[in-house]
Amino acid sequence: MSIWRVILCIIFPPLAIIDKGCGSFLIVFLLTLCGWVPGVIAALIINNKK
């Protein structure tokens, strides 16, 4: 995972995982709406998977 992707996960989590699929995007988007920290954590976890 590149440093730019990590920064994007912190600033705007749904945009960081747009290429991972619609389901992942929707989950991270909803978590970000519920709270910024859960969205960031989910985006980092999804981006860390191969």
PDB file of N, CA and C in Angstrom:
ATOM      1  N   MET A   1       0.847  -1.159   0.000  1.00  0.00           N
ATOM      2  CA  MET A   1       0.000   0.000   0.000  1.00  0.00           C
ATOM      3  C   MET A   1       0.900   1.231   0.000  1.00  0.00           C
ATOM      4  N   SER A   2       0.629   2.138  -0.905  1.00  0.00           N
ATOM      5  CA  SER A   2       1.462   3.328  -1.034  1.00  0.00           C
ATOM      6  C   SER A   2       1.080   4.380   0.010  1.00  0.00           C
ATOM      7  N   ILE A   3       1.975   5.309   0.216  1.00  0.00           N
ATOM      8  CA  ILE A   3       1.736   6.376   1.183  1.00  0.00           C
ATOM      9  C   ILE A   3       0.567   7.255   0.747  1.00  0.00           C
ATOM     10  N   TRP A   4       0.391   7.422  -0.555  1.00  0.00           N
ATOM     11  CA  TRP A   4      -0.717   8.234  -1.066  1.00  0.00           C
ATOM     12  C   TRP A   4      -2.052   7.583  -0.760  1.00  0.00           C
ATOM     13  N   ARG A   5      -2.089   6.260  -0.849  1.00  0.00           N
ATOM     14  CA  ARG A   5      -3.332   5.536  -0.551  1.00  0.00           C
ATOM     15  C   ARG A   5      -3.663   5.641   0.932  1.00  0.00           C
ATOM     16  N   VAL A   6      -2.645   5.608   1.793  1.00  0.00           N
ATOM     17  CA  VAL A   6      -2.872   5.753   3.233  1.00  0.00           C
ATOM     18  C   VAL A   6      -3.391   7.158   3.548  1.00  0.00           C
ATOM     19  N   ILE A   7      -2.803   8.164   2.935  1.00  0.00           N
ATOM     20  CA  ILE A   7      -3.251   9.538   3.145  1.00  0.00           C
ATOM     21  C   ILE A   7      -4.694   9.701   2.669  1.00  0.00           C
ATOM     22  N   LEU A   8      -5.009   9.096   1.537  1.00  0.00           N
ATOM     23  CA  LEU A   8      -6.378   9.165   1.019  1.00  0.00           C
ATOM     24  C   LEU A   8      -7.350   8.430   1.940  1.00  0.00           C
ATOM     25  N   CYS A   9      -6.910   7.332   2.542  1.00  0.00           N
ATOM     26  CA  CYS A   9      -7.750   6.618   3.513  1.00  0.00           C
ATOM     27  C   CYS A   9      -8.068   7.494   4.708  1.00  0.00           C
ATOM     28  N   ILE A  10      -7.123   8.307   5.110  1.00  0.00           N
ATOM     29  CA  ILE A  10      -7.328   9.154   6.280  1.00  0.00           C
ATOM     30  C   ILE A  10      -8.194  10.360   5.937  1.00  0.00           C
ATOM     31  N   ILE A  11      -7.976  10.952   4.770  1.00  0.00           N
ATOM     32  CA  ILE A  11      -8.713  12.163   4.401  1.00  0.00           C
ATOM     33  C   ILE A  11     -10.145  11.841   3.973  1.00  0.00           C
ATOM     34  N   PHE A  12     -10.302  10.919   3.032  1.00  0.00           N
ATOM     35  CA  PHE A  12     -11.637  10.560   2.538  1.00  0.00           C
ATOM     36  C   PHE A  12     -11.673   9.052   2.255  1.00  0.00           C
ATOM     37  N   PRO A  13     -12.047   8.259   3.253  1.00  0.00           N
ATOM     38  CA  PRO A  13     -11.975   6.799   3.143  1.00  0.00           C
ATOM     39  C   PRO A  13     -12.707   6.177   1.952  1.00  0.00           C
ATOM     40  N   PRO A  14     -13.935   6.592   1.599  1.00  0.00           N
ATOM     41  CA  PRO A  14     -14.599   5.922   0.474  1.00  0.00           C
ATOM     42  C   PRO A  14     -13.859   6.088  -0.863  1.00  0.00           C
ATOM     43  N   LEU A  15     -13.237   7.219  -1.053  1.00  0.00           N
ATOM     44  CA  LEU A  15     -12.512   7.448  -2.300  1.00  0.00           C
ATOM     45  C   LEU A  15     -11.273   6.563  -2.401  1.00  0.00           C
ATOM     46  N   ALA A  16     -10.713   6.188  -1.274  1.00  0.00           N
ATOM     47  CA  ALA A  16      -9.503   5.371  -1.269  1.00  0.00           C
ATOM     48  C   ALA A  16      -9.762   3.939  -1.714  1.00  0.00           C
ATOM     49  N   ILE A  17     -10.995   3.463  -1.600  1.00  0.00           N
ATOM     50  CA  ILE A  17     -11.277   2.075  -1.962  1.00  0.00           C
ATOM     51  C   ILE A  17     -12.250   1.968  -3.124  1.00  0.00           C
ATOM     52  N   ILE A  18     -12.335   2.987  -3.924  1.00  0.00           N
ATOM     53  CA  ILE A  18     -13.274   3.002  -5.050  1.00  0.00           C
ATOM     54  C   ILE A  18     -12.987   1.859  -6.037  1.00  0.00           C
ATOM     55  N   ASP A  19     -11.745   1.421  -6.122  1.00  0.00           N
ATOM     56  CA  ASP A  19     -11.387   0.366  -7.071  1.00  0.00           C
ATOM     57  C   ASP A  19     -11.543  -1.041  -6.493  1.00  0.00           C
ATOM     58  N   LYS A  20     -11.976  -1.171  -5.258  1.00  0.00           N
ATOM     59  CA  LYS A  20     -12.127  -2.480  -4.608  1.00  0.00           C
ATOM     60  C   LYS A  20     -13.500  -3.100  -4.821  1.00  0.00           C
ATOM     61  N   GLY A  21     -14.443  -2.352  -5.368  1.00  0.00           N
ATOM     62  CA  GLY A  21     -15.769  -2.893  -5.623  1.00  0.00           C
ATOM     63  C   GLY A  21     -16.857  -2.074  -4.959  1.00  0.00           C
ATOM     64  N   CYS A  22     -18.061  -2.285  -5.440  1.00  0.00           N
ATOM     65  CA  CYS A  22     -19.205  -1.504  -4.971  1.00  0.00           C
ATOM     66  C   CYS A  22     -19.564  -1.834  -3.528  1.00  0.00           C
ATOM     67  N   GLY A  23     -19.482  -3.090  -3.141  1.00  0.00           N
ATOM     68  CA  GLY A  23     -19.827  -3.487  -1.775  1.00  0.00           C
ATOM     69  C   GLY A  23     -18.890  -2.879  -0.747  1.00  0.00           C
ATOM     70  N   SER A  24     -17.609  -2.919  -1.033  1.00  0.00           N
ATOM     71  CA  SER A  24     -16.633  -2.329  -0.122  1.00  0.00           C
ATOM     72  C   SER A  24     -16.815  -0.828  -0.026  1.00  0.00           C
ATOM     73  N   PHE A  25     -17.081  -0.195  -1.153  1.00  0.00           N
ATOM     74  CA  PHE A  25     -17.309   1.250  -1.161  1.00  0.00           C
ATOM     75  C   PHE A  25     -18.515   1.605  -0.310  1.00  0.00           C
ATOM     76  N   LEU A  26     -19.581   0.837  -0.456  1.00  0.00           N
ATOM     77  CA  LEU A  26     -20.810   1.117   0.289  1.00  0.00           C
ATOM     78  C   LEU A  26     -20.607   0.927   1.788  1.00  0.00           C
ATOM     79  N   ILE A  27     -19.913  -0.125   2.175  1.00  0.00           N
ATOM     80  CA  ILE A  27     -19.656  -0.370   3.590  1.00  0.00           C
ATOM     81  C   ILE A  27     -18.831   0.758   4.200  1.00  0.00           C
ATOM     82  N   VAL A  28     -17.764   1.138   3.524  1.00  0.00           N
ATOM     83  CA  VAL A  28     -16.904   2.204   4.051  1.00  0.00           C
ATOM     84  C   VAL A  28     -17.644   3.534   4.056  1.00  0.00           C
ATOM     85  N   PHE A  29     -18.458   3.780   3.050  1.00  0.00           N
ATOM     86  CA  PHE A  29     -19.233   5.019   3.007  1.00  0.00           C
ATOM     87  C   PHE A  29     -20.196   5.103   4.183  1.00  0.00           C
ATOM     88  N   LEU A  30     -20.891   4.012   4.463  1.00  0.00           N
ATOM     89  CA  LEU A  30     -21.830   4.011   5.586  1.00  0.00           C
ATOM     90  C   LEU A  30     -21.115   4.144   6.928  1.00  0.00           C
ATOM     91  N   LEU A  31     -19.973   3.478   7.057  1.00  0.00           N
ATOM     92  CA  LEU A  31     -19.204   3.612   8.292  1.00  0.00           C
ATOM     93  C   LEU A  31     -18.668   5.026   8.463  1.00  0.00           C
ATOM     94  N   THR A  32     -18.297   5.658   7.355  1.00  0.00           N
ATOM     95  CA  THR A  32     -17.816   7.037   7.428  1.00  0.00           C
ATOM     96  C   THR A  32     -18.943   7.977   7.825  1.00  0.00           C
ATOM     97  N   LEU A  33     -20.155   7.702   7.363  1.00  0.00           N
ATOM     98  CA  LEU A  33     -21.293   8.523   7.774  1.00  0.00           C
ATOM     99  C   LEU A  33     -21.598   8.357   9.258  1.00  0.00           C
ATOM    100  N   CYS A  34     -21.416   7.144   9.774  1.00  0.00           N
ATOM    101  CA  CYS A  34     -21.660   6.903  11.199  1.00  0.00           C
ATOM    102  C   CYS A  34     -20.594   7.544  12.070  1.00  0.00           C
ATOM    103  N   GLY A  35     -19.416   7.575  11.571  1.00  0.00           N
ATOM    104  CA  GLY A  35     -18.296   8.164  12.313  1.00  0.00           C
ATOM    105  C   GLY A  35     -17.059   8.101  11.446  1.00  0.00           C
ATOM    106  N   TRP A  36     -16.254   9.102  11.524  1.00  0.00           N
ATOM    107  CA  TRP A  36     -15.094   9.182  10.635  1.00  0.00           C
ATOM    108  C   TRP A  36     -14.076   8.084  10.942  1.00  0.00           C
ATOM    109  N   VAL A  37     -13.843   7.809  12.225  1.00  0.00           N
ATOM    110  CA  VAL A  37     -12.828   6.828  12.625  1.00  0.00           C
ATOM    111  C   VAL A  37     -13.174   5.417  12.145  1.00  0.00           C
ATOM    112  N   PRO A  38     -14.406   4.918  12.286  1.00  0.00           N
ATOM    113  CA  PRO A  38     -14.702   3.581  11.755  1.00  0.00           C
ATOM    114  C   PRO A  38     -14.502   3.482  10.242  1.00  0.00           C
ATOM    115  N   GLY A  39     -14.811   4.548   9.526  1.00  0.00           N
ATOM    116  CA  GLY A  39     -14.592   4.550   8.080  1.00  0.00           C
ATOM    117  C   GLY A  39     -13.123   4.473   7.720  1.00  0.00           C
ATOM    118  N   VAL A  40     -12.287   5.189   8.463  1.00  0.00           N
ATOM    119  CA  VAL A  40     -10.841   5.164   8.224  1.00  0.00           C
ATOM    120  C   VAL A  40     -10.277   3.778   8.523  1.00  0.00           C
ATOM    121  N   ILE A  41     -10.693   3.192   9.624  1.00  0.00           N
ATOM    122  CA  ILE A  41     -10.203   1.857   9.990  1.00  0.00           C
ATOM    123  C   ILE A  41     -10.618   0.825   8.954  1.00  0.00           C
ATOM    124  N   ALA A  42     -11.858   0.866   8.516  1.00  0.00           N
ATOM    125  CA  ALA A  42     -12.330  -0.086   7.503  1.00  0.00           C
ATOM    126  C   ALA A  42     -11.598   0.102   6.184  1.00  0.00           C
ATOM    127  N   ALA A  43     -11.364   1.342   5.790  1.00  0.00           N
ATOM    128  CA  ALA A  43     -10.648   1.608   4.529  1.00  0.00           C
ATOM    129  C   ALA A  43      -9.216   1.094   4.609  1.00  0.00           C
ATOM    130  N   LEU A  44      -8.561   1.281   5.734  1.00  0.00           N
ATOM    131  CA  LEU A  44      -7.187   0.787   5.893  1.00  0.00           C
ATOM    132  C   LEU A  44      -7.149  -0.736   5.868  1.00  0.00           C
ATOM    133  N   ILE A  45      -8.127  -1.378   6.497  1.00  0.00           N
ATOM    134  CA  ILE A  45      -8.166  -2.841   6.498  1.00  0.00           C
ATOM    135  C   ILE A  45      -8.418  -3.381   5.097  1.00  0.00           C
ATOM    136  N   ILE A  46      -9.368  -2.796   4.386  1.00  0.00           N
ATOM    137  CA  ILE A  46      -9.690  -3.266   3.033  1.00  0.00           C
ATOM    138  C   ILE A  46      -8.525  -3.032   2.085  1.00  0.00           C
ATOM    139  N   ASN A  47      -7.846  -1.898   2.214  1.00  0.00           N
ATOM    140  CA  ASN A  47      -6.704  -1.621   1.350  1.00  0.00           C
ATOM    141  C   ASN A  47      -5.504  -2.494   1.686  1.00  0.00           C
ATOM    142  N   ASN A  48      -5.415  -2.961   2.925  1.00  0.00           N
ATOM    143  CA  ASN A  48      -4.280  -3.785   3.309  1.00  0.00           C
ATOM    144  C   ASN A  48      -4.380  -5.213   2.804  1.00  0.00           C
ATOM    145  N   LYS A  49      -5.603  -5.671   2.506  1.00  0.00           N
ATOM    146  CA  LYS A  49      -5.787  -7.020   1.955  1.00  0.00           C
ATOM    147  C   LYS A  49      -5.277  -7.094   0.538  1.00  0.00           C
ATOM    148  N   LYS A  50      -4.751  -8.243   0.164  1.00  0.00           N
ATOM    149  CA  LYS A  50      -4.233  -8.403  -1.199  1.00  0.00           C
ATOM    150  C   LYS A  50      -5.291  -8.873  -2.142  1.00  0.00           C
TER     151      LYS A  50
END
